[in-house]
Amino acid sequence: MIIWLLLAIILVIFALQNVVTINVKFFFWELTDVPLPLVILLSLLLGAIAMALISWPRTFKLRRTIKSLEKKITELEESNSSQSKEIKEDHNNFGPRIEGDTNTRLFED
């Protein structure tokens, strides 16, 4: 927010110091006596819009990919958790024991 405010102040200072009017020709159109800051601001705005339109499909695709990968991570973490539990249960059920004693373990966890 502060950056935008600083940029706005700089733009106002620029506009006040450059009250020059220019003629703009574009293909068959011609505009006369257009303030220079207006031309610069419109050029900047059109460039920003063009870049946003160009980058939007890629951004959308990347967001979909991120969402898909986050879902896959969640599934893998759940699978890992359940497999870890199974391994611990198997270790507890089938771990080595001292002969004749069903409650004593040879190796403690």
Protein backbone atom coordinates (compact mmCIF):
# COMPACT_ATOMS: atom_id res chain seq x y z
CA MET A 1 0.00 0.00 0.00
CA ILE A 2 2.80 2.39 0.89
CA ILE A 3 4.60 1.61 -2.36
CA TRP A 4 1.49 2.51 -4.38
CA LEU A 5 1.17 5.77 -2.47
CA LEU A 6 4.82 6.64 -3.17
CA LEU A 7 4.37 5.81 -6.85
CA ALA A 8 1.26 8.01 -7.00
CA ILE A 9 3.14 10.91 -5.40
CA ILE A 10 6.02 10.48 -7.86
CA LEU A 11 3.54 10.42 -10.75
CA VAL A 12 1.86 13.63 -9.54
CA ILE A 13 5.23 15.37 -9.21
CA PHE A 14 6.19 14.18 -12.70
CA ALA A 15 2.89 15.40 -14.13
CA LEU A 16 3.22 18.82 -12.50
CA GLN A 17 6.81 19.28 -13.70
CA ASN A 18 6.09 18.12 -17.27
CA VAL A 19 3.05 20.01 -18.45
CA VAL A 20 4.25 19.73 -22.03
CA THR A 21 1.68 18.78 -24.65
CA ILE A 22 2.60 16.57 -27.56
CA ASN A 23 1.05 15.28 -30.75
CA VAL A 24 0.50 11.54 -30.93
CA LYS A 25 0.26 9.68 -34.24
CA PHE A 26 -0.77 6.03 -34.33
CA PHE A 27 -1.45 4.43 -37.71
CA PHE A 28 -4.26 6.57 -39.13
CA TRP A 29 -5.13 8.41 -35.93
CA GLU A 30 -3.64 11.67 -34.78
CA LEU A 31 -4.18 13.30 -31.41
CA THR A 32 -2.98 16.85 -30.88
CA ASP A 33 -2.08 18.64 -27.67
CA VAL A 34 -2.08 15.56 -25.43
CA PRO A 35 -0.34 16.02 -22.05
CA LEU A 36 2.90 13.99 -21.88
CA PRO A 37 2.15 12.44 -18.45
CA LEU A 38 -1.18 11.17 -19.81
CA VAL A 39 0.57 9.49 -22.75
CA ILE A 40 3.12 7.87 -20.42
CA LEU A 41 0.45 6.75 -17.95
CA LEU A 42 -1.73 5.24 -20.70
CA SER A 43 1.30 3.47 -22.19
CA LEU A 44 2.17 2.03 -18.80
CA LEU A 45 -1.42 0.96 -18.20
CA LEU A 46 -1.76 -0.70 -21.62
CA GLY A 47 1.54 -2.52 -21.10
CA ALA A 48 0.42 -3.80 -17.69
CA ILE A 49 -2.89 -5.01 -19.13
CA ALA A 50 -1.10 -6.75 -22.01
CA MET A 51 1.30 -8.52 -19.64
CA ALA A 52 -1.57 -9.58 -17.38
CA LEU A 53 -3.46 -11.05 -20.33
CA ILE A 54 -0.36 -12.85 -21.60
CA SER A 55 0.56 -14.33 -18.21
CA TRP A 56 -2.97 -15.22 -17.05
CA PRO A 57 -3.25 -18.65 -18.77
CA ARG A 58 0.11 -19.79 -17.37
CA THR A 59 -0.77 -18.53 -13.90
CA PHE A 60 -4.09 -20.38 -14.03
CA LYS A 61 -2.36 -23.58 -15.16
CA LEU A 62 0.27 -23.31 -12.40
CA ARG A 63 -2.41 -22.80 -9.74
CA ARG A 64 -4.22 -25.94 -10.96
CA THR A 65 -0.94 -27.87 -10.86
CA ILE A 66 -0.18 -26.65 -7.33
CA LYS A 67 -3.65 -27.65 -6.14
CA SER A 68 -3.26 -31.10 -7.70
CA LEU A 69 0.20 -31.60 -6.15
CA GLU A 70 -1.03 -30.48 -2.71
CA LYS A 71 -3.81 -33.06 -2.94
CA LYS A 72 -1.28 -35.74 -3.93
CA ILE A 73 0.98 -34.76 -0.99
CA THR A 74 -1.96 -35.12 1.41
CA GLU A 75 -2.79 -38.55 -0.01
CA LEU A 76 0.83 -39.69 0.25
CA GLU A 77 1.14 -38.41 3.84
CA GLU A 78 -2.01 -40.32 4.82
CA SER A 79 -0.70 -43.45 3.10
CA ASN A 80 2.67 -43.05 4.81
CA SER A 81 0.99 -42.63 8.19
CA SER A 82 -1.13 -45.74 7.77
CA GLN A 83 1.84 -47.79 6.55
CA SER A 84 3.93 -46.61 9.52
CA LYS A 85 1.18 -47.75 11.87
CA GLU A 86 1.05 -51.15 10.14
CA ILE A 87 4.83 -51.54 10.43
CA LYS A 88 4.74 -50.71 14.15
CA GLU A 89 1.88 -53.16 14.71
CA ASP A 90 3.72 -55.88 12.77
CA HIS A 91 6.88 -55.20 14.74
CA ASN A 92 4.95 -55.45 18.01
CA ASN A 93 3.17 -58.65 16.95
CA PHE A 94 6.10 -60.47 15.35
CA GLY A 95 9.17 -59.05 17.09
CA PRO A 96 11.72 -61.47 18.62
CA ARG A 97 10.86 -62.85 22.06
CA ILE A 98 12.66 -64.90 24.69
CA GLU A 99 11.68 -68.57 24.48
CA GLY A 100 8.81 -69.54 26.70
CA ASP A 101 7.93 -65.95 27.66
CA THR A 102 5.24 -64.27 25.58
CA ASN A 103 5.48 -60.90 27.32
CA THR A 104 9.23 -60.24 27.36
CA ARG A 105 11.00 -58.86 24.30
CA LEU A 106 14.54 -59.65 23.34
CA PHE A 107 15.01 -56.13 21.92
CA GLU A 108 13.17 -53.20 23.44
CA ASP A 109 11.87 -50.30 21.30
